[in-house]
Amino acid sequence: MSTTRFLTGITPSGTPHLGNYAGSIRPAVAASRTAGVESFYFLADYHALIKCQDPARVHRSTLEIAASWLACGLNPEHVVFYRQSDVPEIPELNWFLTCVTGKGVLNRAHAYKASQDKNAEAGKDLDDGVTAGLFMYPVLMAADILMFNAHKVPVGRDQIQHIEMARDMASSFNHLYGEHFVLPEAAIEESVATLPGLDGRKMSKSYDNTIPLFAPREQLKKLIGSIVTDSRAPGEPKDTEGSALFQLYQAFSTPEDTAAMRQAFADGIGWGDAKQMLFERIDAELAPMRARYDDLMAHPEKVEAALQIGAERARALSRPLIATLRAAVGLRSLASQNTGAKQAKAAKAALPSFKQYRETDGKFYFKFLAADGRLLLQSTGFDQPKVAGQTIAQLQQQGATALAALGTAVQLADAISNDDVVHALHVLQEASKA
């Protein structure tokens, strides 16, 4: 069974709250236990520097977020959990990608355009307050993803552009220096839980309406008690629609318990009783995790040890890849010029290929392999070798058009996308023109 790599970055820019837990941490920890999936979770501390120049805050937030993920059940023995700044190969790859990325591409990045639009509205210079870090953010994100050849990157729809840009950078590098990178895909998170805050708006640090994930029990009770409700008295039916209190309860309850609370609203439960039920429900889930979190915060060396385990696992992959990339771009020892020439020639010669063969059922088959030997495409059986050969020629000449026309005559391998195959076919076409 093929393994699919998922990669998720967490920027340490604040204290985790209940919204972070329900929308990101809880589902990600559950996904990390899925068979056939290799999960990478990293603390994007380089990214944090783009918006935050407070060293104490970055350091504190890194500890709080790492401790939160570990307390919530992320197992550093089963996933690769690391700090971005512990993998020096990432900024080196960032530079390699910078050198194959057009400035025009970065001009179109959403975050950069949003900053320019804000400045235009305020009558300021378009680039006022825009750092090179903000402008280059998509390249660093691409380096994060491509460093570990991640297949899938869970993102919201507002982040799809960054994945598309990472694919473009990978394609550009592969075209110039040989097939080194998998083209990543966005795993769209359509059903991400968005929890309301104390005032009913989306729970966000920007609105100062958050409930810290691991607030002490008494503080949690006090914050839940301050959730905004309407003026309906006990005994009056209450609406669940638009109720922040009900939405929070639903996020921490089974469907059966949610239905019971819905009925309680209809029966006129008092707001004080409803808030007490919400507090007990949330506290029951978080109390064991809070104890682990408090222990980790009191012993940061335990968090550091977990991150160092992740750093070693990450660098076991990043070191050999960056060595290969260095050789590919020409950064090689001058004492081994011949070897370097051979490596460069081999990298150029490494192309996707078709392999045709006959099985014991008497039928003729072919498979399409990537330059690194991964299976991309597998055909069904043909009665005549000539037909198999004609199908291969059709794919080589027509690429995506032929792939769509052939339908079930060819099948994508596990964890391979249609775009991966189309790109490999394009590489073959370009090589034939050279």
Protein backbone atom coordinates (compact mmCIF):
# COMPACT_ATOMS: atom_id res chain seq x y z
CA MET A 1 0.00 0.00 0.00
CA SER A 2 1.38 3.42 -0.98
CA THR A 3 1.98 5.97 1.73
CA THR A 4 0.60 9.47 1.32
CA ARG A 5 2.44 12.32 2.99
CA PHE A 6 0.37 15.06 4.62
CA LEU A 7 2.07 18.23 5.85
CA THR A 8 0.63 20.90 8.15
CA GLY A 9 2.30 24.06 9.46
CA ILE A 10 1.31 25.88 12.66
CA THR A 11 2.49 29.47 13.07
CA PRO A 12 3.46 30.30 16.70
CA SER A 13 1.89 33.71 16.98
CA GLY A 14 -0.35 33.43 20.04
CA THR A 15 -1.95 31.23 22.69
CA PRO A 16 -4.14 28.38 21.33
CA HIS A 17 -7.86 28.75 22.00
CA LEU A 18 -10.94 26.52 21.73
CA GLY A 19 -11.44 27.52 18.09
CA ASN A 20 -7.93 26.33 17.21
CA TYR A 21 -8.63 23.06 18.99
CA ALA A 22 -11.95 22.26 17.31
CA GLY A 23 -10.95 23.55 13.87
CA SER A 24 -7.38 22.29 13.61
CA ILE A 25 -5.74 20.44 16.48
CA ARG A 26 -8.42 17.83 17.27
CA PRO A 27 -9.10 16.77 13.64
CA ALA A 28 -5.37 16.80 12.77
CA VAL A 29 -4.44 14.58 15.72
CA ALA A 30 -7.21 12.16 14.70
CA ALA A 31 -5.98 12.18 11.08
CA SER A 32 -2.41 11.45 12.20
CA ARG A 33 -3.56 7.98 13.29
CA THR A 34 -4.86 7.05 9.82
CA ALA A 35 -3.26 3.99 8.22
CA GLY A 36 -1.27 4.60 5.05
CA VAL A 37 -0.61 8.24 5.96
CA GLU A 38 2.74 9.76 6.90
CA SER A 39 2.07 13.00 8.79
CA PHE A 40 4.38 16.00 9.08
CA TYR A 41 3.49 18.76 11.57
CA PHE A 42 5.81 21.70 12.03
CA LEU A 43 6.01 24.89 14.05
CA ALA A 44 6.46 27.60 11.43
CA ASP A 45 8.63 29.89 13.54
CA TYR A 46 10.36 31.47 10.52
CA HIS A 47 6.91 32.46 9.27
CA ALA A 48 6.06 33.97 12.67
CA LEU A 49 8.87 36.52 12.20
CA ILE A 50 7.01 38.05 9.25
CA LYS A 51 4.34 39.51 11.51
CA CYS A 52 5.86 39.43 14.98
CA GLN A 53 9.13 41.08 15.98
CA ASP A 54 8.68 40.36 19.70
CA PRO A 55 11.25 37.62 20.55
CA ALA A 56 9.67 36.77 23.91
CA ARG A 57 6.26 36.32 22.33
CA VAL A 58 7.57 34.08 19.52
CA HIS A 59 9.47 31.95 22.05
CA ARG A 60 6.54 31.70 24.46
CA SER A 61 4.03 30.94 21.70
CA THR A 62 6.28 28.21 20.28
CA LEU A 63 6.31 26.50 23.68
CA GLU A 64 2.55 26.94 24.22
CA ILE A 65 1.59 25.60 20.79
CA ALA A 66 4.02 22.66 20.88
CA ALA A 67 2.83 21.75 24.38
CA SER A 68 -0.81 22.04 23.25
CA TRP A 69 -0.38 19.64 20.34
CA LEU A 70 1.47 17.13 22.48
CA ALA A 71 -1.08 17.41 25.30
CA CYS A 72 -3.89 16.81 22.79
CA GLY A 73 -2.40 13.48 21.80
CA LEU A 74 0.03 14.10 18.94
CA ASN A 75 2.58 11.29 19.22
CA PRO A 76 6.10 12.36 18.13
CA GLU A 77 6.99 8.68 17.65
CA HIS A 78 4.26 8.23 15.03
CA VAL A 79 4.49 11.55 13.18
CA VAL A 80 7.27 13.95 12.21
CA PHE A 81 6.73 16.88 14.61
CA TYR A 82 9.45 19.50 14.29
CA ARG A 83 10.34 23.17 14.52
CA GLN A 84 10.95 24.79 11.14
CA SER A 85 14.11 26.54 12.33
CA ASP A 86 15.64 23.19 13.33
CA VAL A 87 15.85 22.15 9.67
CA PRO A 88 18.48 24.43 8.04
CA GLU A 89 17.92 22.75 4.69
CA ILE A 90 14.55 24.56 4.42
CA PRO A 91 15.98 28.09 4.04
CA GLU A 92 18.58 26.72 1.62
CA LEU A 93 15.81 25.23 -0.51
CA ASN A 94 13.98 28.53 -0.14
CA TRP A 95 16.88 30.19 -1.96
CA PHE A 96 17.00 27.56 -4.71
CA LEU A 97 13.28 28.13 -5.34
CA THR A 98 13.70 31.92 -5.20
CA CYS A 99 16.06 31.61 -8.15
CA VAL A 100 13.49 29.84 -10.35
CA THR A 101 10.45 31.93 -9.36
CA GLY A 102 9.36 34.98 -11.35
CA LYS A 103 8.72 38.18 -9.43
CA GLY A 104 5.46 38.55 -11.35
CA VAL A 105 4.17 35.37 -9.70
CA LEU A 106 4.82 36.82 -6.24
CA ASN A 107 3.20 40.13 -7.23
CA ARG A 108 -0.07 38.22 -7.52
CA ALA A 109 0.09 36.60 -4.05
CA HIS A 110 -3.06 37.33 -2.04
CA ALA A 111 -1.33 38.52 1.15
CA TYR A 112 0.89 40.96 -0.76
CA LYS A 113 -2.02 42.28 -2.82
CA ALA A 114 -4.13 42.68 0.31
CA SER A 115 -1.38 44.81 1.91
CA GLN A 116 -1.15 46.95 -1.20
CA ASP A 117 -4.94 47.39 -1.35
CA LYS A 118 -4.99 48.44 2.31
CA ASN A 119 -2.26 51.00 1.66
CA ALA A 120 -4.10 52.30 -1.41
CA GLU A 121 -7.27 52.85 0.64
CA ALA A 122 -5.25 54.74 3.26
CA GLY A 123 -3.56 56.89 0.61
CA LYS A 124 -0.12 55.50 1.42
CA ASP A 125 2.67 54.22 -0.81
CA LEU A 126 1.58 50.78 -2.06
CA ASP A 127 4.55 49.03 -0.45
CA ASP A 128 4.47 50.93 2.82
CA GLY A 129 5.22 48.50 5.66
CA VAL A 130 5.61 45.55 3.27
CA THR A 131 8.74 43.58 4.14
CA ALA A 132 10.62 41.29 1.79
CA GLY A 133 9.58 38.52 4.20
CA LEU A 134 5.90 39.12 3.49
CA PHE A 135 6.57 39.36 -0.25
CA MET A 136 8.60 36.13 -0.29
CA TYR A 137 6.26 34.22 2.05
CA PRO A 138 4.92 31.93 -0.73
CA VAL A 139 8.45 30.77 -1.58
CA LEU A 140 9.21 29.80 2.02
CA MET A 141 5.88 27.97 2.20
CA ALA A 142 6.78 26.11 -0.99
CA ALA A 143 10.14 25.16 0.53
CA ASP A 144 8.34 23.78 3.61
CA ILE A 145 6.18 21.58 1.39
CA LEU A 146 8.72 20.49 -1.23
CA MET A 147 11.46 19.75 1.31
CA PHE A 148 9.55 16.61 2.27
CA ASN A 149 7.80 16.01 -1.07
CA ALA A 150 4.40 16.20 0.60
CA HIS A 151 1.55 14.83 -1.50
CA LYS A 152 -1.27 16.60 0.34
CA VAL A 153 -1.41 19.89 2.25
CA PRO A 154 -4.62 20.49 4.25
CA VAL A 155 -5.63 24.11 3.73
CA GLY A 156 -8.67 26.34 3.64
CA ARG A 157 -9.80 27.78 0.32
CA ASP A 158 -7.92 31.03 0.99
CA GLN A 159 -4.63 29.10 0.91
CA ILE A 160 -5.14 27.22 -2.37
CA GLN A 161 -3.13 29.82 -4.27
CA HIS A 162 -0.04 29.03 -2.20
CA ILE A 163 -0.25 25.34 -3.10
CA GLU A 164 -0.63 26.22 -6.78
CA MET A 165 2.44 28.45 -6.51
CA ALA A 166 4.39 25.62 -4.85
CA ARG A 167 3.44 23.35 -7.76
CA ASP A 168 4.65 25.97 -10.24
CA MET A 169 7.98 26.32 -8.44
CA ALA A 170 8.42 22.55 -8.31
CA SER A 171 7.66 22.28 -12.03
CA SER A 172 10.12 25.05 -12.88
CA PHE A 173 12.89 23.44 -10.83
CA ASN A 174 12.16 19.97 -12.23
CA HIS A 175 12.24 21.32 -15.78
CA LEU A 176 15.64 22.92 -15.28
CA TYR A 177 17.39 20.34 -13.12
CA GLY A 178 15.57 17.01 -13.45
CA GLU A 179 12.69 15.37 -11.59
CA HIS A 180 13.26 16.06 -7.89
CA PHE A 181 9.90 17.19 -6.54
CA VAL A 182 6.44 15.71 -6.26
CA LEU A 183 3.76 18.21 -7.27
CA PRO A 184 1.74 18.77 -4.06
CA GLU A 185 -2.04 18.96 -3.94
CA ALA A 186 -4.29 21.03 -1.70
CA ALA A 187 -6.50 18.94 0.57
CA ILE A 188 -9.40 21.37 0.93
CA GLU A 189 -10.83 21.53 4.43
CA GLU A 190 -14.50 22.17 3.61
CA SER A 191 -15.92 21.27 7.01
CA VAL A 192 -13.48 23.00 9.36
CA ALA A 193 -15.27 23.84 12.59
CA THR A 194 -15.47 27.59 13.14
CA LEU A 195 -16.41 28.28 16.74
CA PRO A 196 -18.03 31.50 17.94
CA GLY A 197 -16.29 33.55 20.59
CA LEU A 198 -17.64 35.17 23.74
CA ASP A 199 -19.45 37.86 21.74
CA GLY A 200 -20.90 35.55 19.07
CA ARG A 201 -18.42 36.53 16.35
CA LYS A 202 -15.83 34.05 15.09
CA MET A 203 -13.44 33.17 17.93
CA SER A 204 -10.30 35.11 17.08
CA LYS A 205 -7.44 36.90 18.81
CA SER A 206 -8.26 39.86 16.54
CA TYR A 207 -11.64 40.24 18.26
CA ASP A 208 -10.28 39.58 21.77
CA ASN A 209 -13.15 37.12 22.29
CA THR A 210 -11.28 33.86 22.75
CA ILE A 211 -11.39 31.15 25.37
CA PRO A 212 -7.81 29.89 25.91
CA LEU A 213 -7.62 26.16 25.26
CA PHE A 214 -6.06 25.29 28.58
CA ALA A 215 -7.38 28.07 30.80
CA PRO A 216 -7.50 26.94 34.46
CA ARG A 217 -10.82 25.39 35.47
CA GLU A 218 -12.10 28.46 37.34
CA GLN A 219 -11.10 30.83 34.55
CA LEU A 220 -12.82 28.55 32.01
CA LYS A 221 -16.01 28.65 34.08
CA LYS A 222 -15.86 32.44 34.37
CA LEU A 223 -15.29 32.90 30.61
CA ILE A 224 -18.15 30.58 29.70
CA GLY A 225 -20.33 32.50 32.12
CA SER A 226 -19.57 35.68 30.15
CA ILE A 227 -20.81 34.33 26.81
CA VAL A 228 -23.31 36.80 25.37
CA THR A 229 -26.93 35.55 25.36
CA ASP A 230 -30.31 37.20 24.85
CA SER A 231 -32.71 38.36 27.56
CA ARG A 232 -35.12 35.42 27.49
CA ALA A 233 -36.00 34.25 30.99
CA PRO A 234 -36.05 30.66 32.29
CA GLY A 235 -39.11 28.87 30.92
CA GLU A 236 -39.12 30.82 27.65
CA PRO A 237 -38.19 28.76 24.55
CA LYS A 238 -34.79 29.70 23.16
CA ASP A 239 -33.39 29.57 19.62
CA THR A 240 -30.41 27.38 18.84
CA GLU A 241 -29.93 29.20 15.54
CA GLY A 242 -27.22 31.82 15.99
CA SER A 243 -26.62 30.84 19.62
CA ALA A 244 -22.89 30.88 20.42
CA LEU A 245 -23.57 28.83 23.53
CA PHE A 246 -25.35 26.08 21.57
CA GLN A 247 -22.68 25.99 18.85
CA LEU A 248 -19.95 25.56 21.44
CA TYR A 249 -21.90 22.78 23.15
CA GLN A 250 -22.41 21.01 19.82
CA ALA A 251 -18.67 21.10 19.08
CA PHE A 252 -17.94 19.13 22.25
CA SER A 253 -20.91 16.75 22.28
CA THR A 254 -22.23 13.61 20.64
CA PRO A 255 -25.21 13.94 18.26
CA GLU A 256 -27.43 12.45 20.97
CA ASP A 257 -26.36 14.96 23.62
CA THR A 258 -26.67 17.79 21.09
CA ALA A 259 -30.25 16.72 20.36
CA ALA A 260 -30.98 16.70 24.10
CA MET A 261 -29.62 20.23 24.47
CA ARG A 262 -31.66 21.35 21.46
CA GLN A 263 -34.76 20.04 23.25
CA ALA A 264 -33.70 21.78 26.47
CA PHE A 265 -33.54 25.07 24.54
CA ALA A 266 -37.04 24.46 23.22
CA ASP A 267 -38.24 23.69 26.76
CA GLY A 268 -36.87 27.01 28.07
CA ILE A 269 -33.69 26.04 29.94
CA GLY A 270 -32.25 28.95 31.90
CA TRP A 271 -29.08 30.52 30.52
CA GLY A 272 -27.23 29.88 33.79
CA ASP A 273 -28.06 26.17 33.65
CA ALA A 274 -27.12 25.98 29.96
CA LYS A 275 -23.77 27.63 30.66
CA GLN A 276 -23.11 25.23 33.53
CA MET A 277 -23.81 22.26 31.23
CA LEU A 278 -21.48 23.72 28.59
CA PHE A 279 -18.73 24.26 31.16
CA GLU A 280 -18.99 20.69 32.45
CA ARG A 281 -18.96 19.26 28.94
CA ILE A 282 -15.88 21.21 27.80
CA ASP A 283 -14.03 20.69 31.07
CA ALA A 284 -14.65 16.92 30.94
CA GLU A 285 -12.87 16.72 27.57
CA LEU A 286 -10.07 19.13 28.34
CA ALA A 287 -9.24 18.30 31.99
CA PRO A 288 -6.95 15.30 31.24
CA MET A 289 -5.25 17.26 28.46
CA ARG A 290 -4.92 20.32 30.70
CA ALA A 291 -3.03 18.24 33.26
CA ARG A 292 -0.60 17.08 30.55
CA TYR A 293 -0.29 20.63 29.22
CA ASP A 294 0.47 22.08 32.65
CA ASP A 295 3.14 19.43 33.15
CA LEU A 296 4.74 20.21 29.78
CA MET A 297 4.70 23.95 30.43
CA ALA A 298 6.37 23.33 33.80
CA HIS A 299 8.98 21.11 32.11
CA PRO A 300 9.79 22.70 28.74
CA GLU A 301 12.72 20.31 28.37
CA LYS A 302 10.14 17.58 27.65
CA VAL A 303 8.75 19.64 24.77
CA GLU A 304 12.26 20.35 23.50
CA ALA A 305 13.10 16.64 23.59
CA ALA A 306 10.00 15.82 21.51
CA LEU A 307 10.90 18.50 18.96
CA GLN A 308 14.47 17.23 18.72
CA ILE A 309 13.16 13.73 17.95
CA GLY A 310 11.15 15.31 15.15
CA ALA A 311 14.09 17.39 13.95
CA GLU A 312 16.26 14.29 13.55
CA ARG A 313 13.53 12.47 11.68
CA ALA A 314 12.98 15.49 9.45
CA ARG A 315 16.68 15.98 8.75
CA ALA A 316 17.12 12.31 7.89
CA LEU A 317 15.02 13.26 4.85
CA SER A 318 16.12 16.85 4.26
CA ARG A 319 19.90 16.29 4.35
CA PRO A 320 20.10 13.77 1.48
CA LEU A 321 17.60 15.73 -0.62
CA ILE A 322 19.47 19.02 -0.28
CA ALA A 323 22.73 17.23 -1.14
CA THR A 324 21.10 15.94 -4.33
CA LEU A 325 19.72 19.39 -5.14
CA ARG A 326 23.09 21.04 -4.56
CA ALA A 327 24.67 18.66 -7.06
CA ALA A 328 21.82 19.20 -9.50
CA VAL A 329 22.24 23.01 -9.57
CA GLY A 330 26.05 22.78 -9.82
CA LEU A 331 27.13 23.42 -6.21
CA ARG A 332 29.64 20.56 -6.12
CA SER A 333 33.20 19.96 -5.00
CA LEU A 334 35.70 21.24 -7.56
CA ALA A 335 37.83 18.17 -6.87
CA SER A 336 35.17 15.93 -8.38
CA GLN A 337 34.42 17.62 -11.66
CA ASN A 338 34.11 14.39 -13.61
CA THR A 339 31.79 12.91 -11.05
CA GLY A 340 29.77 16.09 -11.09
CA ALA A 341 29.48 15.98 -14.87
CA LYS A 342 28.29 12.40 -14.68
CA GLN A 343 25.74 13.31 -12.03
CA ALA A 344 24.47 16.21 -14.12
CA LYS A 345 24.24 13.99 -17.19
CA ALA A 346 22.43 11.32 -15.20
CA ALA A 347 20.00 13.87 -13.78
CA LYS A 348 19.24 15.13 -17.27
CA ALA A 349 18.87 11.58 -18.57
CA ALA A 350 16.48 10.60 -15.78
CA LEU A 351 13.10 10.84 -17.44
CA PRO A 352 9.70 9.26 -16.96
CA SER A 353 9.37 6.07 -19.01
CA PHE A 354 6.90 3.50 -20.31
CA LYS A 355 7.47 -0.21 -19.70
CA GLN A 356 5.56 -2.69 -21.88
CA TYR A 357 5.24 -6.36 -20.88
CA ARG A 358 3.15 -9.52 -21.21
CA GLU A 359 1.42 -11.24 -18.29
CA THR A 360 0.59 -14.92 -17.74
CA ASP A 361 -2.99 -14.26 -18.90
CA GLY A 362 -1.56 -13.76 -22.40
CA LYS A 363 -2.49 -10.06 -22.51
CA PHE A 364 -0.15 -7.15 -23.06
CA TYR A 365 0.21 -4.35 -20.52
CA PHE A 366 2.25 -1.23 -19.96
CA LYS A 367 3.05 0.96 -16.99
CA PHE A 368 4.24 4.55 -16.84
CA LEU A 369 7.01 5.25 -14.32
CA ALA A 370 8.31 8.53 -12.92
CA ALA A 371 12.00 9.35 -13.21
CA ASP A 372 12.52 8.06 -9.65
CA GLY A 373 10.82 4.76 -10.44
CA ARG A 374 7.44 5.47 -8.84
CA LEU A 375 4.46 3.95 -10.63
CA LEU A 376 2.28 6.66 -12.12
CA LEU A 377 -0.03 4.84 -14.50
CA GLN A 378 -1.06 1.22 -15.08
CA SER A 379 -2.85 -0.02 -18.20
CA THR A 380 -5.49 -2.71 -18.46
CA GLY A 381 -4.73 -5.74 -20.65
CA PHE A 382 -4.59 -5.52 -24.47
CA ASP A 383 -5.03 -8.50 -26.78
CA GLN A 384 -2.35 -7.28 -29.20
CA PRO A 385 1.04 -5.70 -28.38
CA LYS A 386 0.50 -3.33 -31.28
CA VAL A 387 -2.55 -1.81 -29.57
CA ALA A 388 -0.60 -1.34 -26.33
CA GLY A 389 2.17 0.38 -28.31
CA GLN A 390 -0.31 2.63 -30.10
CA THR A 391 -1.83 3.64 -26.77
CA ILE A 392 1.61 4.54 -25.42
CA ALA A 393 2.31 6.63 -28.53
CA GLN A 394 -1.05 8.36 -28.10
CA LEU A 395 -0.17 9.31 -24.51
CA GLN A 396 3.30 10.50 -25.50
CA GLN A 397 1.98 12.70 -28.30
CA GLN A 398 -1.31 14.01 -26.88
CA GLY A 399 -0.64 14.07 -23.11
CA ALA A 400 -3.65 15.23 -21.09
CA THR A 401 -6.02 14.90 -24.06
CA ALA A 402 -5.15 11.22 -24.51
CA LEU A 403 -5.32 10.58 -20.77
CA ALA A 404 -8.89 11.88 -20.65
CA ALA A 405 -9.92 10.00 -23.81
CA LEU A 406 -8.59 6.62 -22.68
CA GLY A 407 -10.79 6.51 -19.58
CA THR A 408 -10.63 3.14 -17.79
CA ALA A 409 -8.02 1.74 -20.20
CA VAL A 410 -5.43 3.27 -17.88
CA GLN A 411 -5.56 3.71 -14.11
CA LEU A 412 -3.73 6.11 -11.81
CA ALA A 413 -1.51 4.52 -9.17
CA ASP A 414 -2.27 5.07 -5.48
CA ALA A 415 -1.50 8.59 -4.20
CA ILE A 416 -0.91 9.80 -7.78
CA SER A 417 -3.01 12.61 -9.24
CA ASN A 418 -4.00 13.26 -12.81
CA ASP A 419 -1.78 16.36 -12.72
CA ASP A 420 1.25 14.25 -11.73
CA VAL A 421 0.81 12.09 -14.84
CA VAL A 422 0.16 15.05 -17.12
CA HIS A 423 3.32 16.76 -15.85
CA ALA A 424 5.42 13.62 -16.43
CA LEU A 425 4.04 13.27 -19.96
CA HIS A 426 4.90 16.94 -20.57
CA VAL A 427 8.46 16.31 -19.40
CA LEU A 428 8.76 13.49 -21.94
CA GLN A 429 7.40 15.69 -24.70
CA GLU A 430 9.85 18.47 -23.91
CA ALA A 431 12.75 16.03 -23.75
CA SER A 432 11.87 14.69 -27.20
CA LYS A 433 12.07 18.23 -28.62
CA ALA A 434 15.50 18.90 -27.12
